[in-house]
Amino acid sequence: MIVITGAAGFIGSCLLTHLNKKTSKDFVVVDQFDRADKNKNLANAQYLYKIDRQDFLPWFSEHATEIELVLHLGARTDTTEKNVAIFDQLNLNYSKSITKICTQHQIPLIYASSAATYGLGEQGYNDQTHPSALTPLNPYGDSKNDFDNWLLNQEEQPPFWAGLKFFNVYGPNEYHKGRMASVIFHAFNQIQQTNQMKLFRSHRPDFKDGEQSRDFIYIKDLLSIIDFLMHHSVASGLYNVGTGTARTFYDLAKHTFLAMGKTPDISFIDTPQDIRGNYQYFTEADMSKLRSAGYQKDFYSLEEGIQDYVENYLMKGVYYQ
């Protein structure tokens, strides 16, 4: 059996559907199943057991010999949450407990880290930079970086592990995410309602309005990378999951308009005060480590990813299939 934590979430549910089409393996899905909007992500998924997050650790301890792989994607992902204790409980300590069981029973582990670990990018965006050298901007980033650091420093580890530093992921099944959904999702809804798009104004003199840039990766590329790591022998460690190409928010908004068949109408508003001080103006994944490990597929361009997402999912209101 294969365990997927965070299975009702955006990435977890897409991964489960993706794997349902690729393998006959049985799946154990783990999440907090108390939200109807998230559970819609699993409506057409196939799995053997459905286990609540708070019940999973004792179940895992009891059934570890039946598990061949853990895909640990569950986490508290709200970057505006300031309560460190929540992140310590759900991101750091929960992940440690899972890892200890994987280590004890020699179960491979692939888990979600985050590009939030890189902070403002003072040390660049290289996945070979040790976590101890990084300064995340918020408790969420700290929790991911703290776990990466903890695992790297363990004398005993799972037989294979990969911590995936997700950059800006977008795609279907993020309908439930609210403020934390991708900019493309918000752009689509805003354009649909108003025929306009308002982007955050730059508050730095070295960036023009709309030229803030991120490494946006389409969910289908992320799933392909996980699939690769599941089936190829690569070294354990941290791996960036981006495209290696930063694109501007202006480009993102423009191509969302175009994918919707509309003329771009883009203006700017002040960045909210609660995120302005910790706002990343540029991210771009160094993908050389994953490429050196043998992953050679081309990534969706921003234009291609937006076109597919808008035409085949957002315009139809459907889930990943």
C-alpha atoms as a PDB file:
ATOM      1  CA  MET A   1       0.000   0.000   0.000  1.00  0.00           C
ATOM      2  CA  ILE A   2       1.022   3.602  -0.606  1.00  0.00           C
ATOM      3  CA  VAL A   3       0.160   6.341   1.886  1.00  0.00           C
ATOM      4  CA  ILE A   4      -0.733   9.855   0.724  1.00  0.00           C
ATOM      5  CA  THR A   5      -1.131  12.457   3.457  1.00  0.00           C
ATOM      6  CA  GLY A   6      -2.920  15.691   2.602  1.00  0.00           C
ATOM      7  CA  ALA A   7      -4.842  13.544   0.115  1.00  0.00           C
ATOM      8  CA  ALA A   8      -7.921  15.782   0.006  1.00  0.00           C
ATOM      9  CA  GLY A   9      -5.849  18.884  -0.673  1.00  0.00           C
ATOM     10  CA  PHE A  10      -4.806  20.446  -3.960  1.00  0.00           C
ATOM     11  CA  ILE A  11      -1.592  18.558  -4.688  1.00  0.00           C
ATOM     12  CA  GLY A  12      -2.475  15.379  -2.790  1.00  0.00           C
ATOM     13  CA  SER A  13      -5.767  14.824  -4.606  1.00  0.00           C
ATOM     14  CA  CYS A  14      -4.218  15.462  -8.020  1.00  0.00           C
ATOM     15  CA  LEU A  15      -1.433  13.035  -7.163  1.00  0.00           C
ATOM     16  CA  LEU A  16      -3.906  10.339  -6.094  1.00  0.00           C
ATOM     17  CA  THR A  17      -5.884  10.697  -9.335  1.00  0.00           C
ATOM     18  CA  HIS A  18      -2.635  10.658 -11.326  1.00  0.00           C
ATOM     19  CA  LEU A  19      -1.457   7.472  -9.610  1.00  0.00           C
ATOM     20  CA  ASN A  20      -4.863   5.822  -9.948  1.00  0.00           C
ATOM     21  CA  LYS A  21      -4.289   5.948 -13.710  1.00  0.00           C
ATOM     22  CA  LYS A  22      -0.701   4.646 -13.469  1.00  0.00           C
ATOM     23  CA  THR A  23      -0.750   1.757 -11.006  1.00  0.00           C
ATOM     24  CA  SER A  24      -2.947  -0.897  -9.453  1.00  0.00           C
ATOM     25  CA  LYS A  25      -1.467  -0.255  -5.991  1.00  0.00           C
ATOM     26  CA  ASP A  26      -3.822   0.269  -3.059  1.00  0.00           C
ATOM     27  CA  PHE A  27      -3.799   3.719  -1.455  1.00  0.00           C
ATOM     28  CA  VAL A  28      -4.262   4.925   2.099  1.00  0.00           C
ATOM     29  CA  VAL A  29      -5.520   8.520   2.102  1.00  0.00           C
ATOM     30  CA  VAL A  30      -4.913  10.715   5.123  1.00  0.00           C
ATOM     31  CA  ASP A  31      -6.318  14.189   5.788  1.00  0.00           C
ATOM     32  CA  GLN A  32      -8.681  16.157   7.980  1.00  0.00           C
ATOM     33  CA  PHE A  33     -11.938  15.161   6.312  1.00  0.00           C
ATOM     34  CA  ASP A  34     -14.256  17.753   7.833  1.00  0.00           C
ATOM     35  CA  ARG A  35     -14.593  20.133   4.864  1.00  0.00           C
ATOM     36  CA  ALA A  36     -17.067  19.342   2.108  1.00  0.00           C
ATOM     37  CA  ASP A  37     -15.284  21.647  -0.351  1.00  0.00           C
ATOM     38  CA  LYS A  38     -12.005  19.728   0.055  1.00  0.00           C
ATOM     39  CA  ASN A  39     -13.664  16.329  -0.042  1.00  0.00           C
ATOM     40  CA  LYS A  40     -14.976  17.109  -3.536  1.00  0.00           C
ATOM     41  CA  ASN A  41     -11.365  16.650  -4.656  1.00  0.00           C
ATOM     42  CA  LEU A  42     -11.689  12.938  -3.841  1.00  0.00           C
ATOM     43  CA  ALA A  43     -15.086  12.355  -5.442  1.00  0.00           C
ATOM     44  CA  ASN A  44     -13.738  10.198  -8.264  1.00  0.00           C
ATOM     45  CA  ALA A  45     -10.575   8.909  -6.597  1.00  0.00           C
ATOM     46  CA  GLN A  46      -9.894   5.264  -5.793  1.00  0.00           C
ATOM     47  CA  TYR A  47      -8.407   4.254  -2.433  1.00  0.00           C
ATOM     48  CA  LEU A  48      -8.525   1.438   0.105  1.00  0.00           C
ATOM     49  CA  TYR A  49      -8.507   3.244   3.445  1.00  0.00           C
ATOM     50  CA  LYS A  50      -9.472   6.777   4.478  1.00  0.00           C
ATOM     51  CA  ILE A  51      -7.889   7.788   7.801  1.00  0.00           C
ATOM     52  CA  ASP A  52      -8.224  11.048   9.689  1.00  0.00           C
ATOM     53  CA  ARG A  53      -4.952  12.864  10.304  1.00  0.00           C
ATOM     54  CA  GLN A  54      -5.209  12.592  14.087  1.00  0.00           C
ATOM     55  CA  ASP A  55      -5.712   8.811  13.866  1.00  0.00           C
ATOM     56  CA  PHE A  56      -2.988   8.139  11.335  1.00  0.00           C
ATOM     57  CA  LEU A  57       0.171   7.842  13.446  1.00  0.00           C
ATOM     58  CA  PRO A  58      -1.075   4.958  15.630  1.00  0.00           C
ATOM     59  CA  TRP A  59      -2.520   3.279  12.528  1.00  0.00           C
ATOM     60  CA  PHE A  60       0.777   3.704  10.699  1.00  0.00           C
ATOM     61  CA  SER A  61       2.737   2.224  13.604  1.00  0.00           C
ATOM     62  CA  GLU A  62       0.478  -0.816  13.596  1.00  0.00           C
ATOM     63  CA  HIS A  63       0.430  -1.325   9.806  1.00  0.00           C
ATOM     64  CA  ALA A  64       3.916  -0.140   8.839  1.00  0.00           C
ATOM     65  CA  THR A  65       4.958  -3.534   7.478  1.00  0.00           C
ATOM     66  CA  GLU A  66       2.172  -3.254   4.879  1.00  0.00           C
ATOM     67  CA  ILE A  67       3.328   0.150   3.559  1.00  0.00           C
ATOM     68  CA  GLU A  68       5.827   0.409   0.694  1.00  0.00           C
ATOM     69  CA  LEU A  69       5.944   4.204   0.273  1.00  0.00           C
ATOM     70  CA  VAL A  70       4.787   7.356   2.054  1.00  0.00           C
ATOM     71  CA  LEU A  71       3.952  10.497   0.056  1.00  0.00           C
ATOM     72  CA  HIS A  72       3.683  13.071   2.830  1.00  0.00           C
ATOM     73  CA  LEU A  73       1.996  16.173   1.414  1.00  0.00           C
ATOM     74  CA  GLY A  74      -0.182  17.124   4.374  1.00  0.00           C
ATOM     75  CA  ALA A  75       0.732  20.379   6.115  1.00  0.00           C
ATOM     76  CA  ARG A  76      -0.564  23.667   7.403  1.00  0.00           C
ATOM     77  CA  THR A  77       0.200  25.899   4.413  1.00  0.00           C
ATOM     78  CA  ASP A  78      -1.204  29.294   5.435  1.00  0.00           C
ATOM     79  CA  THR A  79       1.744  31.674   5.046  1.00  0.00           C
ATOM     80  CA  THR A  80      -0.107  34.414   6.951  1.00  0.00           C
ATOM     81  CA  GLU A  81      -0.579  32.270  10.094  1.00  0.00           C
ATOM     82  CA  LYS A  82       1.628  33.570  12.905  1.00  0.00           C
ATOM     83  CA  ASN A  83       1.011  30.910  15.565  1.00  0.00           C
ATOM     84  CA  VAL A  84       4.295  29.006  15.677  1.00  0.00           C
ATOM     85  CA  ALA A  85       2.799  26.272  17.881  1.00  0.00           C
ATOM     86  CA  ILE A  86       0.416  25.248  15.068  1.00  0.00           C
ATOM     87  CA  PHE A  87       3.313  24.793  12.659  1.00  0.00           C
ATOM     88  CA  ASP A  88       5.388  22.965  15.262  1.00  0.00           C
ATOM     89  CA  GLN A  89       2.546  20.520  15.774  1.00  0.00           C
ATOM     90  CA  LEU A  90       1.320  19.971  12.204  1.00  0.00           C
ATOM     91  CA  ASN A  91       4.400  20.541  10.050  1.00  0.00           C
ATOM     92  CA  LEU A  92       7.455  19.830  12.178  1.00  0.00           C
ATOM     93  CA  ASN A  93       6.603  17.273  14.854  1.00  0.00           C
ATOM     94  CA  TYR A  94       4.010  15.363  12.811  1.00  0.00           C
ATOM     95  CA  SER A  95       6.550  15.011   9.997  1.00  0.00           C
ATOM     96  CA  LYS A  96       9.209  13.848  12.438  1.00  0.00           C
ATOM     97  CA  SER A  97       6.869  11.123  13.734  1.00  0.00           C
ATOM     98  CA  ILE A  98       6.133   9.884  10.225  1.00  0.00           C
ATOM     99  CA  THR A  99       9.835   9.876   9.366  1.00  0.00           C
ATOM    100  CA  LYS A 100      10.788   7.902  12.466  1.00  0.00           C
ATOM    101  CA  ILE A 101       8.323   5.154  11.541  1.00  0.00           C
ATOM    102  CA  CYS A 102       9.591   5.160   7.949  1.00  0.00           C
ATOM    103  CA  THR A 103      13.150   4.855   9.235  1.00  0.00           C
ATOM    104  CA  GLN A 104      12.338   2.070  11.662  1.00  0.00           C
ATOM    105  CA  HIS A 105      10.555   0.009   8.997  1.00  0.00           C
ATOM    106  CA  GLN A 106      12.721   1.054   6.022  1.00  0.00           C
ATOM    107  CA  ILE A 107       9.915   2.734   4.084  1.00  0.00           C
ATOM    108  CA  PRO A 108      10.823   5.302   1.401  1.00  0.00           C
ATOM    109  CA  LEU A 109       9.507   8.824   2.030  1.00  0.00           C
ATOM    110  CA  ILE A 110       8.750  11.655  -0.385  1.00  0.00           C
ATOM    111  CA  TYR A 111       7.517  14.797   1.313  1.00  0.00           C
ATOM    112  CA  ALA A 112       6.554  18.386   0.616  1.00  0.00           C
ATOM    113  CA  SER A 113       9.065  21.009   1.599  1.00  0.00           C
ATOM    114  CA  SER A 114       8.678  24.516   0.147  1.00  0.00           C
ATOM    115  CA  ALA A 115      10.440  27.308  -1.705  1.00  0.00           C
ATOM    116  CA  ALA A 116       9.333  29.431   1.256  1.00  0.00           C
ATOM    117  CA  THR A 117      12.461  28.063   2.947  1.00  0.00           C
ATOM    118  CA  TYR A 118      14.560  30.378   0.742  1.00  0.00           C
ATOM    119  CA  GLY A 119      13.161  33.584   2.239  1.00  0.00           C
ATOM    120  CA  LEU A 120      14.126  36.601   0.171  1.00  0.00           C
ATOM    121  CA  GLY A 121      16.621  34.507  -1.771  1.00  0.00           C
ATOM    122  CA  GLU A 122      19.686  35.991  -0.097  1.00  0.00           C
ATOM    123  CA  GLN A 123      21.466  32.656  -0.658  1.00  0.00           C
ATOM    124  CA  GLY A 124      19.881  32.069  -4.048  1.00  0.00           C
ATOM    125  CA  TYR A 125      17.452  29.261  -4.859  1.00  0.00           C
ATOM    126  CA  ASN A 126      19.810  26.299  -4.967  1.00  0.00           C
ATOM    127  CA  ASP A 127      18.550  23.066  -3.374  1.00  0.00           C
ATOM    128  CA  GLN A 128      22.109  22.149  -2.410  1.00  0.00           C
ATOM    129  CA  THR A 129      22.258  25.067   0.031  1.00  0.00           C
ATOM    130  CA  HIS A 130      22.080  23.648   3.550  1.00  0.00           C
ATOM    131  CA  PRO A 131      18.889  24.645   5.421  1.00  0.00           C
ATOM    132  CA  SER A 132      20.973  26.088   8.271  1.00  0.00           C
ATOM    133  CA  ALA A 133      22.088  28.859   5.896  1.00  0.00           C
ATOM    134  CA  LEU A 134      18.529  29.904   4.977  1.00  0.00           C
ATOM    135  CA  THR A 135      16.265  32.538   6.550  1.00  0.00           C
ATOM    136  CA  PRO A 136      12.567  31.995   5.793  1.00  0.00           C
ATOM    137  CA  LEU A 137      10.180  34.951   6.037  1.00  0.00           C
ATOM    138  CA  ASN A 138       7.389  33.442   8.134  1.00  0.00           C
ATOM    139  CA  PRO A 139       6.556  30.609  10.564  1.00  0.00           C
ATOM    140  CA  TYR A 140       5.342  28.418   7.705  1.00  0.00           C
ATOM    141  CA  GLY A 141       8.701  28.676   5.939  1.00  0.00           C
ATOM    142  CA  ASP A 142      10.502  28.156   9.244  1.00  0.00           C
ATOM    143  CA  SER A 143       8.590  24.932   9.914  1.00  0.00           C
ATOM    144  CA  LYS A 144       9.477  23.489   6.520  1.00  0.00           C
ATOM    145  CA  ASN A 145      13.112  24.544   6.829  1.00  0.00           C
ATOM    146  CA  ASP A 146      13.369  23.228  10.387  1.00  0.00           C
ATOM    147  CA  PHE A 147      12.158  19.812   9.263  1.00  0.00           C
ATOM    148  CA  ASP A 148      14.529  19.736   6.269  1.00  0.00           C
ATOM    149  CA  ASN A 149      17.391  20.585   8.629  1.00  0.00           C
ATOM    150  CA  TRP A 150      16.324  17.979  11.187  1.00  0.00           C
ATOM    151  CA  LEU A 151      16.124  15.171   8.624  1.00  0.00           C
ATOM    152  CA  LEU A 152      19.468  16.018   7.019  1.00  0.00           C
ATOM    153  CA  ASN A 153      21.096  15.790  10.437  1.00  0.00           C
ATOM    154  CA  GLN A 154      19.644  12.392  11.390  1.00  0.00           C
ATOM    155  CA  GLU A 155      22.156   9.544  11.578  1.00  0.00           C
ATOM    156  CA  GLU A 156      19.407   7.083  10.697  1.00  0.00           C
ATOM    157  CA  GLN A 157      17.082   7.936   7.821  1.00  0.00           C
ATOM    158  CA  PRO A 158      14.547   6.215   5.553  1.00  0.00           C
ATOM    159  CA  PRO A 159      16.182   4.043   2.845  1.00  0.00           C
ATOM    160  CA  PHE A 160      15.279   6.760   0.339  1.00  0.00           C
ATOM    161  CA  TRP A 161      13.842  10.188   0.981  1.00  0.00           C
ATOM    162  CA  ALA A 162      13.214  13.303  -1.062  1.00  0.00           C
ATOM    163  CA  GLY A 163      12.118  16.686   0.272  1.00  0.00           C
ATOM    164  CA  LEU A 164      10.456  18.591  -2.562  1.00  0.00           C
ATOM    165  CA  LYS A 165      10.804  22.361  -2.457  1.00  0.00           C
ATOM    166  CA  PHE A 166       7.621  23.350  -4.276  1.00  0.00           C
ATOM    167  CA  PHE A 167       7.712  26.761  -5.922  1.00  0.00           C
ATOM    168  CA  ASN A 168       4.455  28.455  -7.066  1.00  0.00           C
ATOM    169  CA  VAL A 169       2.225  25.535  -7.993  1.00  0.00           C
ATOM    170  CA  TYR A 170      -1.061  26.113  -9.837  1.00  0.00           C
ATOM    171  CA  GLY A 171      -3.711  23.900 -11.350  1.00  0.00           C
ATOM    172  CA  PRO A 172      -7.066  22.168 -10.764  1.00  0.00           C
ATOM    173  CA  ASN A 173      -8.358  21.090  -7.343  1.00  0.00           C
ATOM    174  CA  GLU A 174      -7.365  24.329  -5.594  1.00  0.00           C
ATOM    175  CA  TYR A 175     -10.968  25.569  -5.503  1.00  0.00           C
ATOM    176  CA  HIS A 176     -11.080  25.262  -1.696  1.00  0.00           C
ATOM    177  CA  LYS A 177      -7.882  27.161  -0.889  1.00  0.00           C
ATOM    178  CA  GLY A 178      -9.294  30.678  -0.526  1.00  0.00           C
ATOM    179  CA  ARG A 179      -6.610  33.332  -0.134  1.00  0.00           C
ATOM    180  CA  MET A 180      -3.868  30.694  -0.491  1.00  0.00           C
ATOM    181  CA  ALA A 181      -5.000  29.630  -3.989  1.00  0.00           C
ATOM    182  CA  SER A 182      -2.739  30.477  -6.914  1.00  0.00           C
ATOM    183  CA  VAL A 183      -2.692  33.926  -8.500  1.00  0.00           C
ATOM    184  CA  ILE A 184      -4.002  32.335 -11.710  1.00  0.00           C
ATOM    185  CA  PHE A 185      -7.062  31.028  -9.873  1.00  0.00           C
ATOM    186  CA  HIS A 186      -7.724  34.472  -8.391  1.00  0.00           C
ATOM    187  CA  ALA A 187      -7.061  36.183 -11.716  1.00  0.00           C
ATOM    188  CA  PHE A 188      -9.560  33.930 -13.491  1.00  0.00           C
ATOM    189  CA  ASN A 189     -12.300  34.658 -10.956  1.00  0.00           C
ATOM    190  CA  GLN A 190     -11.614  38.393 -10.863  1.00  0.00           C
ATOM    191  CA  ILE A 191     -11.587  38.669 -14.659  1.00  0.00           C
ATOM    192  CA  GLN A 192     -14.746  36.600 -14.936  1.00  0.00           C
ATOM    193  CA  GLN A 193     -16.542  38.901 -12.497  1.00  0.00           C
ATOM    194  CA  THR A 194     -15.176  42.318 -13.518  1.00  0.00           C
ATOM    195  CA  ASN A 195     -13.358  41.951 -16.879  1.00  0.00           C
ATOM    196  CA  GLN A 196     -10.388  43.511 -15.057  1.00  0.00           C
ATOM    197  CA  MET A 197      -7.391  42.330 -13.037  1.00  0.00           C
ATOM    198  CA  LYS A 198      -5.734  44.199 -10.193  1.00  0.00           C
ATOM    199  CA  LEU A 199      -2.163  43.213  -9.345  1.00  0.00           C
ATOM    200  CA  PHE A 200      -0.084  44.260  -6.361  1.00  0.00           C
ATOM    201  CA  ARG A 201       1.904  47.425  -6.918  1.00  0.00           C
ATOM    202  CA  SER A 202       5.670  47.218  -6.442  1.00  0.00           C
ATOM    203  CA  HIS A 203       6.953  48.854  -3.258  1.00  0.00           C
ATOM    204  CA  ARG A 204      10.580  48.538  -4.307  1.00  0.00           C
ATOM    205  CA  PRO A 205      12.333  50.930  -6.696  1.00  0.00           C
ATOM    206  CA  ASP A 206      14.187  48.106  -8.461  1.00  0.00           C
ATOM    207  CA  PHE A 207      10.930  46.453  -9.612  1.00  0.00           C
ATOM    208  CA  LYS A 208       8.309  48.101 -11.809  1.00  0.00           C
ATOM    209  CA  ASP A 209       4.640  47.443 -11.086  1.00  0.00           C
ATOM    210  CA  GLY A 210       3.729  43.974 -12.305  1.00  0.00           C
ATOM    211  CA  GLU A 211       7.329  42.878 -12.785  1.00  0.00           C
ATOM    212  CA  GLN A 212       7.498  40.977  -9.521  1.00  0.00           C
ATOM    213  CA  SER A 213       8.425  37.487 -10.705  1.00  0.00           C
ATOM    214  CA  ARG A 214       7.935  33.935  -9.500  1.00  0.00           C
ATOM    215  CA  ASP A 215       8.726  30.465 -10.730  1.00  0.00           C
ATOM    216  CA  PHE A 216       5.239  29.183 -11.569  1.00  0.00           C
ATOM    217  CA  ILE A 217       4.977  25.418 -12.057  1.00  0.00           C
ATOM    218  CA  TYR A 218       1.919  23.650 -13.416  1.00  0.00           C
ATOM    219  CA  ILE A 219       0.600  20.774 -11.317  1.00  0.00           C
ATOM    220  CA  LYS A 220       1.061  18.302 -14.184  1.00  0.00           C
ATOM    221  CA  ASP A 221       4.822  18.940 -14.144  1.00  0.00           C
ATOM    222  CA  LEU A 222       4.942  18.450 -10.375  1.00  0.00           C
ATOM    223  CA  LEU A 223       3.132  15.107 -10.701  1.00  0.00           C
ATOM    224  CA  SER A 224       5.569  14.042 -13.400  1.00  0.00           C
ATOM    225  CA  ILE A 225       8.497  14.809 -11.090  1.00  0.00           C
ATOM    226  CA  ILE A 226       7.027  12.782  -8.230  1.00  0.00           C
ATOM    227  CA  ASP A 227       6.359   9.933 -10.646  1.00  0.00           C
ATOM    228  CA  PHE A 228       9.997  10.089 -11.741  1.00  0.00           C
ATOM    229  CA  LEU A 229      11.283   9.967  -8.155  1.00  0.00           C
ATOM    230  CA  MET A 230       9.041   6.996  -7.402  1.00  0.00           C
ATOM    231  CA  HIS A 231      10.463   4.920 -10.247  1.00  0.00           C
ATOM    232  CA  HIS A 232      14.107   5.939 -10.607  1.00  0.00           C
ATOM    233  CA  SER A 233      17.066   5.398  -8.337  1.00  0.00           C
ATOM    234  CA  VAL A 234      18.302   8.840  -7.313  1.00  0.00           C
ATOM    235  CA  ALA A 235      20.184  10.121  -4.279  1.00  0.00           C
ATOM    236  CA  SER A 236      18.214  11.067  -1.188  1.00  0.00           C
ATOM    237  CA  GLY A 237      18.014  14.773  -0.473  1.00  0.00           C
ATOM    238  CA  LEU A 238      16.244  18.044  -1.125  1.00  0.00           C
ATOM    239  CA  TYR A 239      15.026  18.800  -4.644  1.00  0.00           C
ATOM    240  CA  ASN A 240      13.630  22.002  -6.104  1.00  0.00           C
ATOM    241  CA  VAL A 241      10.310  21.627  -7.905  1.00  0.00           C
ATOM    242  CA  GLY A 242       9.987  24.575 -10.246  1.00  0.00           C
ATOM    243  CA  THR A 243      10.623  25.234 -13.927  1.00  0.00           C
ATOM    244  CA  GLY A 244      13.873  27.175 -13.609  1.00  0.00           C
ATOM    245  CA  THR A 245      12.289  30.194 -15.314  1.00  0.00           C
ATOM    246  CA  ALA A 246      10.828  33.165 -13.431  1.00  0.00           C
ATOM    247  CA  ARG A 247       7.869  34.961 -15.038  1.00  0.00           C
ATOM    248  CA  THR A 248       6.212  38.228 -14.117  1.00  0.00           C
ATOM    249  CA  PHE A 249       2.786  38.615 -12.579  1.00  0.00           C
ATOM    250  CA  TYR A 250       1.939  40.903 -15.497  1.00  0.00           C
ATOM    251  CA  ASP A 251       2.609  38.035 -17.918  1.00  0.00           C
ATOM    252  CA  LEU A 252       0.481  35.751 -15.775  1.00  0.00           C
ATOM    253  CA  ALA A 253      -2.463  38.149 -15.769  1.00  0.00           C
ATOM    254  CA  LYS A 254      -2.163  38.918 -19.494  1.00  0.00           C
ATOM    255  CA  HIS A 255      -2.176  35.275 -20.500  1.00  0.00           C
ATOM    256  CA  THR A 256      -5.103  34.489 -18.205  1.00  0.00           C
ATOM    257  CA  PHE A 257      -7.104  37.146 -20.066  1.00  0.00           C
ATOM    258  CA  LEU A 258      -6.019  35.702 -23.400  1.00  0.00           C
ATOM    259  CA  ALA A 259      -6.872  32.130 -22.377  1.00  0.00           C
ATOM    260  CA  MET A 260     -10.358  33.398 -21.494  1.00  0.00           C
ATOM    261  CA  GLY A 261     -10.673  35.108 -24.872  1.00  0.00           C
ATOM    262  CA  LYS A 262     -10.650  38.587 -23.336  1.00  0.00           C
ATOM    263  CA  THR A 263      -8.639  41.775 -23.880  1.00  0.00           C
ATOM    264  CA  PRO A 264      -6.208  42.401 -20.998  1.00  0.00           C
ATOM    265  CA  ASP A 265      -7.223  45.225 -18.608  1.00  0.00           C
ATOM    266  CA  ILE A 266      -4.640  45.274 -15.802  1.00  0.00           C
ATOM    267  CA  SER A 267      -4.225  47.856 -13.036  1.00  0.00           C
ATOM    268  CA  PHE A 268      -2.409  47.990  -9.690  1.00  0.00           C
ATOM    269  CA  ILE A 269      -3.276  48.252  -5.994  1.00  0.00           C
ATOM    270  CA  ASP A 270      -1.084  48.518  -2.891  1.00  0.00           C
ATOM    271  CA  THR A 271       0.217  45.251  -1.456  1.00  0.00           C
ATOM    272  CA  PRO A 272      -1.625  44.564   1.832  1.00  0.00           C
ATOM    273  CA  GLN A 273       0.312  45.683   4.885  1.00  0.00           C
ATOM    274  CA  ASP A 274       0.145  42.251   6.557  1.00  0.00           C
ATOM    275  CA  ILE A 275       2.236  40.666   3.808  1.00  0.00           C
ATOM    276  CA  ARG A 276       4.172  43.624   2.406  1.00  0.00           C
ATOM    277  CA  GLY A 277       7.189  43.242   4.688  1.00  0.00           C
ATOM    278  CA  ASN A 278       7.651  39.564   3.837  1.00  0.00           C
ATOM    279  CA  TYR A 279       6.794  39.702   0.151  1.00  0.00           C
ATOM    280  CA  GLN A 280       9.033  37.810  -2.275  1.00  0.00           C
ATOM    281  CA  TYR A 281       9.750  39.891  -5.380  1.00  0.00           C
ATOM    282  CA  PHE A 282      11.646  37.169  -7.244  1.00  0.00           C
ATOM    283  CA  THR A 283      11.951  33.389  -7.099  1.00  0.00           C
ATOM    284  CA  GLU A 284      13.546  31.062  -9.622  1.00  0.00           C
ATOM    285  CA  ALA A 285      14.379  27.436  -8.950  1.00  0.00           C
ATOM    286  CA  ASP A 286      17.826  26.105  -9.753  1.00  0.00           C
ATOM    287  CA  MET A 287      16.798  22.828 -11.387  1.00  0.00           C
ATOM    288  CA  SER A 288      20.288  21.485 -12.088  1.00  0.00           C
ATOM    289  CA  LYS A 289      20.176  18.883  -9.294  1.00  0.00           C
ATOM    290  CA  LEU A 290      16.998  17.228 -10.563  1.00  0.00           C
ATOM    291  CA  ARG A 291      18.240  17.430 -14.149  1.00  0.00           C
ATOM    292  CA  SER A 292      21.513  15.796 -13.115  1.00  0.00           C
ATOM    293  CA  ALA A 293      19.506  13.036 -11.441  1.00  0.00           C
ATOM    294  CA  GLY A 294      18.023  12.196 -14.831  1.00  0.00           C
ATOM    295  CA  TYR A 295      14.761  14.151 -15.104  1.00  0.00           C
ATOM    296  CA  GLN A 296      14.739  15.474 -18.679  1.00  0.00           C
ATOM    297  CA  LYS A 297      11.099  16.250 -19.537  1.00  0.00           C
ATOM    298  CA  ASP A 298      10.307  19.753 -20.721  1.00  0.00           C
ATOM    299  CA  PHE A 299       8.163  21.882 -18.428  1.00  0.00           C
ATOM    300  CA  TYR A 300       4.915  23.541 -19.406  1.00  0.00           C
ATOM    301  CA  SER A 301       5.558  27.173 -20.269  1.00  0.00           C
ATOM    302  CA  LEU A 302       3.445  29.655 -18.302  1.00  0.00           C
ATOM    303  CA  GLU A 303       1.364  30.245 -21.439  1.00  0.00           C
ATOM    304  CA  GLU A 304       0.790  26.521 -21.985  1.00  0.00           C
ATOM    305  CA  GLY A 305      -0.054  25.829 -18.354  1.00  0.00           C
ATOM    306  CA  ILE A 306      -2.505  28.718 -18.089  1.00  0.00           C
ATOM    307  CA  GLN A 307      -4.203  27.722 -21.359  1.00  0.00           C
ATOM    308  CA  ASP A 308      -4.700  24.144 -20.177  1.00  0.00           C
ATOM    309  CA  TYR A 309      -5.840  25.141 -16.689  1.00  0.00           C
ATOM    310  CA  VAL A 310      -8.295  27.783 -17.896  1.00  0.00           C
ATOM    311  CA  GLU A 311      -9.737  25.900 -20.878  1.00  0.00           C
ATOM    312  CA  ASN A 312      -9.967  22.409 -19.439  1.00  0.00           C
ATOM    313  CA  TYR A 313     -10.662  23.043 -15.760  1.00  0.00           C
ATOM    314  CA  LEU A 314     -11.594  26.576 -14.665  1.00  0.00           C
ATOM    315  CA  MET A 315     -13.958  27.331 -17.552  1.00  0.00           C
ATOM    316  CA  LYS A 316     -15.674  23.967 -16.998  1.00  0.00           C
ATOM    317  CA  GLY A 317     -15.507  23.970 -13.201  1.00  0.00           C
ATOM    318  CA  VAL A 318     -14.107  20.436 -13.183  1.00  0.00           C
ATOM    319  CA  TYR A 319     -11.537  18.644 -11.070  1.00  0.00           C
ATOM    320  CA  TYR A 320      -8.267  17.003 -12.066  1.00  0.00           C
ATOM    321  CA  GLN A 321      -8.948  13.952 -14.208  1.00  0.00           C
END
